Amino acid sequence: MVIYIAADHRGFKHKEEIKNYLVSLGYSVNDMGNEKYDESDDYPDFAERVAEKVALGGSLGILICGSGVGMDIVANKFPGVRSALVCDPEQAMDARTDDDVNILTIAADYTSVEASKKIISLSLTTVFSGEEKYKRRIKKIEELEIKIKNK
């Protein structure tokens, strides 16, 4: 499984530490930017890169910016992407088991690197429960995406 990761300037340092952590755990990590700290960069550019890859299926994404909100908004514009702004490990577990989230968005201004590692580790080891009620809800989201696209 490939993990796509990206961050704007507010999440850049966080991303570099998380990327090294993931590699040390043996994951294949594809850094979608930014490649260097650039105070004038814009989060939609990086969220788009990750969301496009994840929307193709079979991979997970991690987005990091200051508040996490902007990246999460952008990622959720892509059909097939279920991105969640996650603040603690328990929420990460629920996001995976209940909603089969495929992108984690992390707020670097509010979440420490150590807490982010716990969130990510738990998320990567938690699988979708497959319970009927959760499948039904995800199907409704997918139907809504189609409905909106066809308007």
C-alpha atoms as a PDB file:
ATOM      1  CA  MET A   1       0.000   0.000   0.000  1.00  0.00           C
ATOM      2  CA  VAL A   2       1.243   3.455  -0.897  1.00  0.00           C
ATOM      3  CA  ILE A   3       0.671   6.352   1.449  1.00  0.00           C
ATOM      4  CA  TYR A   4       0.487   9.739  -0.223  1.00  0.00           C
ATOM      5  CA  ILE A   5       1.434  12.643   1.996  1.00  0.00           C
ATOM      6  CA  ALA A   6       1.453  16.396   1.489  1.00  0.00           C
ATOM      7  CA  ALA A   7       1.635  19.602   3.470  1.00  0.00           C
ATOM      8  CA  ASP A   8       1.674  23.324   2.981  1.00  0.00           C
ATOM      9  CA  HIS A   9       4.143  25.606   4.753  1.00  0.00           C
ATOM     10  CA  ARG A  10       2.309  25.415   8.090  1.00  0.00           C
ATOM     11  CA  GLY A  11       2.507  21.613   8.061  1.00  0.00           C
ATOM     12  CA  PHE A  12       5.846  21.215   6.293  1.00  0.00           C
ATOM     13  CA  LYS A  13       8.007  20.405   9.331  1.00  0.00           C
ATOM     14  CA  HIS A  14       5.321  18.074  10.668  1.00  0.00           C
ATOM     15  CA  LYS A  15       5.146  16.271   7.320  1.00  0.00           C
ATOM     16  CA  GLU A  16       8.888  15.684   7.187  1.00  0.00           C
ATOM     17  CA  GLU A  17       8.852  14.031  10.614  1.00  0.00           C
ATOM     18  CA  ILE A  18       5.766  11.947   9.827  1.00  0.00           C
ATOM     19  CA  LYS A  19       7.210  10.870   6.485  1.00  0.00           C
ATOM     20  CA  ASN A  20      10.394   9.608   8.179  1.00  0.00           C
ATOM     21  CA  TYR A  21       8.293   7.828  10.796  1.00  0.00           C
ATOM     22  CA  LEU A  22       6.234   6.028   8.140  1.00  0.00           C
ATOM     23  CA  VAL A  23       9.334   4.969   6.219  1.00  0.00           C
ATOM     24  CA  SER A  24      10.850   3.610   9.459  1.00  0.00           C
ATOM     25  CA  LEU A  25       7.722   1.448   9.849  1.00  0.00           C
ATOM     26  CA  GLY A  26       8.255   0.034   6.377  1.00  0.00           C
ATOM     27  CA  TYR A  27       5.545   1.917   4.480  1.00  0.00           C
ATOM     28  CA  SER A  28       5.972   3.133   0.928  1.00  0.00           C
ATOM     29  CA  VAL A  29       5.522   6.908   1.114  1.00  0.00           C
ATOM     30  CA  ASN A  30       5.025   9.202  -1.844  1.00  0.00           C
ATOM     31  CA  ASP A  31       5.605  12.858  -0.917  1.00  0.00           C
ATOM     32  CA  MET A  32       3.301  15.041  -3.018  1.00  0.00           C
ATOM     33  CA  GLY A  33       4.777  18.294  -1.731  1.00  0.00           C
ATOM     34  CA  ASN A  34       5.736  20.729  -0.892  1.00  0.00           C
ATOM     35  CA  GLU A  35       9.363  19.732  -1.432  1.00  0.00           C
ATOM     36  CA  LYS A  36      10.692  22.729   0.468  1.00  0.00           C
ATOM     37  CA  TYR A  37       9.397  25.229   2.972  1.00  0.00           C
ATOM     38  CA  ASP A  38       7.654  28.032   1.085  1.00  0.00           C
ATOM     39  CA  GLU A  39       5.671  30.485   3.161  1.00  0.00           C
ATOM     40  CA  SER A  40       3.671  31.595   0.121  1.00  0.00           C
ATOM     41  CA  ASP A  41       2.448  28.158  -0.985  1.00  0.00           C
ATOM     42  CA  ASP A  42      -1.256  27.295  -1.056  1.00  0.00           C
ATOM     43  CA  TYR A  43      -2.772  24.205   0.570  1.00  0.00           C
ATOM     44  CA  PRO A  44      -5.298  23.449  -2.228  1.00  0.00           C
ATOM     45  CA  ASP A  45      -2.427  22.568  -4.574  1.00  0.00           C
ATOM     46  CA  PHE A  46      -1.152  19.828  -2.282  1.00  0.00           C
ATOM     47  CA  ALA A  47      -4.524  18.513  -1.155  1.00  0.00           C
ATOM     48  CA  GLU A  48      -5.523  18.116  -4.799  1.00  0.00           C
ATOM     49  CA  ARG A  49      -2.435  16.036  -5.594  1.00  0.00           C
ATOM     50  CA  VAL A  50      -3.094  13.576  -2.774  1.00  0.00           C
ATOM     51  CA  ALA A  51      -6.860  13.409  -3.291  1.00  0.00           C
ATOM     52  CA  GLU A  52      -6.447  12.634  -7.004  1.00  0.00           C
ATOM     53  CA  LYS A  53      -4.207   9.668  -6.178  1.00  0.00           C
ATOM     54  CA  VAL A  54      -6.418   8.353  -3.381  1.00  0.00           C
ATOM     55  CA  ALA A  55      -9.555   8.720  -5.523  1.00  0.00           C
ATOM     56  CA  LEU A  56      -8.079   6.123  -7.875  1.00  0.00           C
ATOM     57  CA  GLY A  57      -8.319   3.593  -5.021  1.00  0.00           C
ATOM     58  CA  GLY A  58      -5.997   1.273  -3.166  1.00  0.00           C
ATOM     59  CA  SER A  59      -4.030   3.872  -1.269  1.00  0.00           C
ATOM     60  CA  LEU A  60      -4.284   6.144   1.721  1.00  0.00           C
ATOM     61  CA  GLY A  61      -3.462   9.807   2.115  1.00  0.00           C
ATOM     62  CA  ILE A  62      -2.249  12.113   4.836  1.00  0.00           C
ATOM     63  CA  LEU A  63      -2.673  15.865   4.563  1.00  0.00           C
ATOM     64  CA  ILE A  64      -1.160  18.348   6.988  1.00  0.00           C
ATOM     65  CA  CYS A  65      -1.750  22.067   7.252  1.00  0.00           C
ATOM     66  CA  GLY A  66      -2.176  24.581  10.065  1.00  0.00           C
ATOM     67  CA  SER A  67      -5.813  24.046  11.007  1.00  0.00           C
ATOM     68  CA  GLY A  68      -6.460  21.009   8.816  1.00  0.00           C
ATOM     69  CA  VAL A  69      -9.755  22.489   7.703  1.00  0.00           C
ATOM     70  CA  GLY A  70      -8.733  23.773   4.282  1.00  0.00           C
ATOM     71  CA  MET A  71      -7.034  20.565   3.207  1.00  0.00           C
ATOM     72  CA  ASP A  72      -9.990  18.511   4.423  1.00  0.00           C
ATOM     73  CA  ILE A  73     -12.428  20.651   2.426  1.00  0.00           C
ATOM     74  CA  VAL A  74     -10.389  20.261  -0.766  1.00  0.00           C
ATOM     75  CA  ALA A  75      -9.909  16.504  -0.374  1.00  0.00           C
ATOM     76  CA  ASN A  76     -13.612  15.896   0.119  1.00  0.00           C
ATOM     77  CA  LYS A  77     -14.403  17.505  -3.242  1.00  0.00           C
ATOM     78  CA  PHE A  78     -13.096  14.366  -4.976  1.00  0.00           C
ATOM     79  CA  PRO A  79     -15.497  11.476  -5.584  1.00  0.00           C
ATOM     80  CA  GLY A  80     -14.433   8.374  -3.701  1.00  0.00           C
ATOM     81  CA  VAL A  81     -12.433  10.333  -1.147  1.00  0.00           C
ATOM     82  CA  ARG A  82     -13.508  10.240   2.466  1.00  0.00           C
ATOM     83  CA  SER A  83     -11.220  12.594   4.303  1.00  0.00           C
ATOM     84  CA  ALA A  84     -11.451  13.276   8.030  1.00  0.00           C
ATOM     85  CA  LEU A  85      -9.832  15.963  10.132  1.00  0.00           C
ATOM     86  CA  VAL A  86      -8.648  13.796  13.001  1.00  0.00           C
ATOM     87  CA  CYS A  87      -7.632  15.140  16.406  1.00  0.00           C
ATOM     88  CA  ASP A  88      -7.003  12.040  18.524  1.00  0.00           C
ATOM     89  CA  PRO A  89      -6.404   8.290  18.170  1.00  0.00           C
ATOM     90  CA  GLU A  90      -9.920   7.250  19.186  1.00  0.00           C
ATOM     91  CA  GLN A  91     -11.403   9.500  16.517  1.00  0.00           C
ATOM     92  CA  ALA A  92      -8.999   7.995  13.973  1.00  0.00           C
ATOM     93  CA  MET A  93     -10.165   4.515  14.901  1.00  0.00           C
ATOM     94  CA  ASP A  94     -13.830   5.504  14.524  1.00  0.00           C
ATOM     95  CA  ALA A  95     -13.109   7.201  11.203  1.00  0.00           C
ATOM     96  CA  ARG A  96     -11.611   3.983   9.837  1.00  0.00           C
ATOM     97  CA  THR A  97     -14.006   1.432  11.351  1.00  0.00           C
ATOM     98  CA  ASP A  98     -17.213   3.384  10.724  1.00  0.00           C
ATOM     99  CA  ASP A  99     -16.527   5.562   7.667  1.00  0.00           C
ATOM    100  CA  ASP A 100     -13.670   3.754   5.910  1.00  0.00           C
ATOM    101  CA  VAL A 101     -11.755   7.037   5.734  1.00  0.00           C
ATOM    102  CA  ASN A 102      -8.987   7.010   3.137  1.00  0.00           C
ATOM    103  CA  ILE A 103      -7.389  10.389   3.893  1.00  0.00           C
ATOM    104  CA  LEU A 104      -6.389  11.661   7.312  1.00  0.00           C
ATOM    105  CA  THR A 105      -6.090  15.386   7.678  1.00  0.00           C
ATOM    106  CA  ILE A 106      -4.009  16.654  10.563  1.00  0.00           C
ATOM    107  CA  ALA A 107      -3.872  20.143  12.054  1.00  0.00           C
ATOM    108  CA  ALA A 108      -0.188  20.860  12.672  1.00  0.00           C
ATOM    109  CA  ASP A 109      -1.019  23.931  14.766  1.00  0.00           C
ATOM    110  CA  TYR A 110      -3.117  21.870  17.183  1.00  0.00           C
ATOM    111  CA  THR A 111      -1.695  18.347  17.047  1.00  0.00           C
ATOM    112  CA  SER A 112       1.821  17.462  18.160  1.00  0.00           C
ATOM    113  CA  VAL A 113       4.027  15.250  16.029  1.00  0.00           C
ATOM    114  CA  GLU A 114       3.876  12.546  18.693  1.00  0.00           C
ATOM    115  CA  ALA A 115       0.081  12.668  18.804  1.00  0.00           C
ATOM    116  CA  SER A 116       0.031  12.603  15.000  1.00  0.00           C
ATOM    117  CA  LYS A 117       2.167   9.461  15.002  1.00  0.00           C
ATOM    118  CA  LYS A 118      -0.315   7.752  17.330  1.00  0.00           C
ATOM    119  CA  ILE A 119      -3.253   8.870  15.185  1.00  0.00           C
ATOM    120  CA  ILE A 120      -1.601   7.645  12.009  1.00  0.00           C
ATOM    121  CA  SER A 121      -0.368   4.372  13.484  1.00  0.00           C
ATOM    122  CA  LEU A 122      -3.790   3.492  14.828  1.00  0.00           C
ATOM    123  CA  SER A 123      -5.461   4.504  11.595  1.00  0.00           C
ATOM    124  CA  LEU A 124      -3.127   2.353   9.510  1.00  0.00           C
ATOM    125  CA  THR A 125      -3.768  -0.715  11.647  1.00  0.00           C
ATOM    126  CA  THR A 126      -7.541  -0.283  11.884  1.00  0.00           C
ATOM    127  CA  VAL A 127      -9.775  -1.736   9.196  1.00  0.00           C
ATOM    128  CA  PHE A 128     -13.282  -0.891   8.117  1.00  0.00           C
ATOM    129  CA  SER A 129     -15.758  -2.904  10.179  1.00  0.00           C
ATOM    130  CA  GLY A 130     -17.944  -3.737   7.204  1.00  0.00           C
ATOM    131  CA  GLU A 131     -21.070  -3.530   9.337  1.00  0.00           C
ATOM    132  CA  GLU A 132     -24.189  -3.183   7.237  1.00  0.00           C
ATOM    133  CA  LYS A 133     -25.176   0.194   8.683  1.00  0.00           C
ATOM    134  CA  TYR A 134     -21.785   1.654   7.766  1.00  0.00           C
ATOM    135  CA  LYS A 135     -21.865   0.158   4.278  1.00  0.00           C
ATOM    136  CA  ARG A 136     -25.329   1.659   3.808  1.00  0.00           C
ATOM    137  CA  ARG A 137     -24.130   5.104   4.861  1.00  0.00           C
ATOM    138  CA  ILE A 138     -21.098   5.021   2.579  1.00  0.00           C
ATOM    139  CA  LYS A 139     -23.325   3.907  -0.293  1.00  0.00           C
ATOM    140  CA  LYS A 140     -25.529   6.957   0.355  1.00  0.00           C
ATOM    141  CA  ILE A 141     -22.460   9.199   0.184  1.00  0.00           C
ATOM    142  CA  GLU A 142     -21.455   7.614  -3.127  1.00  0.00           C
ATOM    143  CA  GLU A 143     -24.970   8.073  -4.494  1.00  0.00           C
ATOM    144  CA  LEU A 144     -24.906  11.705  -3.419  1.00  0.00           C
ATOM    145  CA  GLU A 145     -21.607  12.227  -5.243  1.00  0.00           C
ATOM    146  CA  ILE A 146     -23.182  10.860  -8.437  1.00  0.00           C
ATOM    147  CA  LYS A 147     -26.313  12.941  -7.979  1.00  0.00           C
ATOM    148  CA  ILE A 148     -24.306  16.143  -7.542  1.00  0.00           C
ATOM    149  CA  LYS A 149     -22.057  15.319 -10.493  1.00  0.00           C
ATOM    150  CA  ASN A 150     -25.076  14.776 -12.751  1.00  0.00           C
ATOM    151  CA  LYS A 151     -26.835  18.050 -11.865  1.00  0.00           C
END
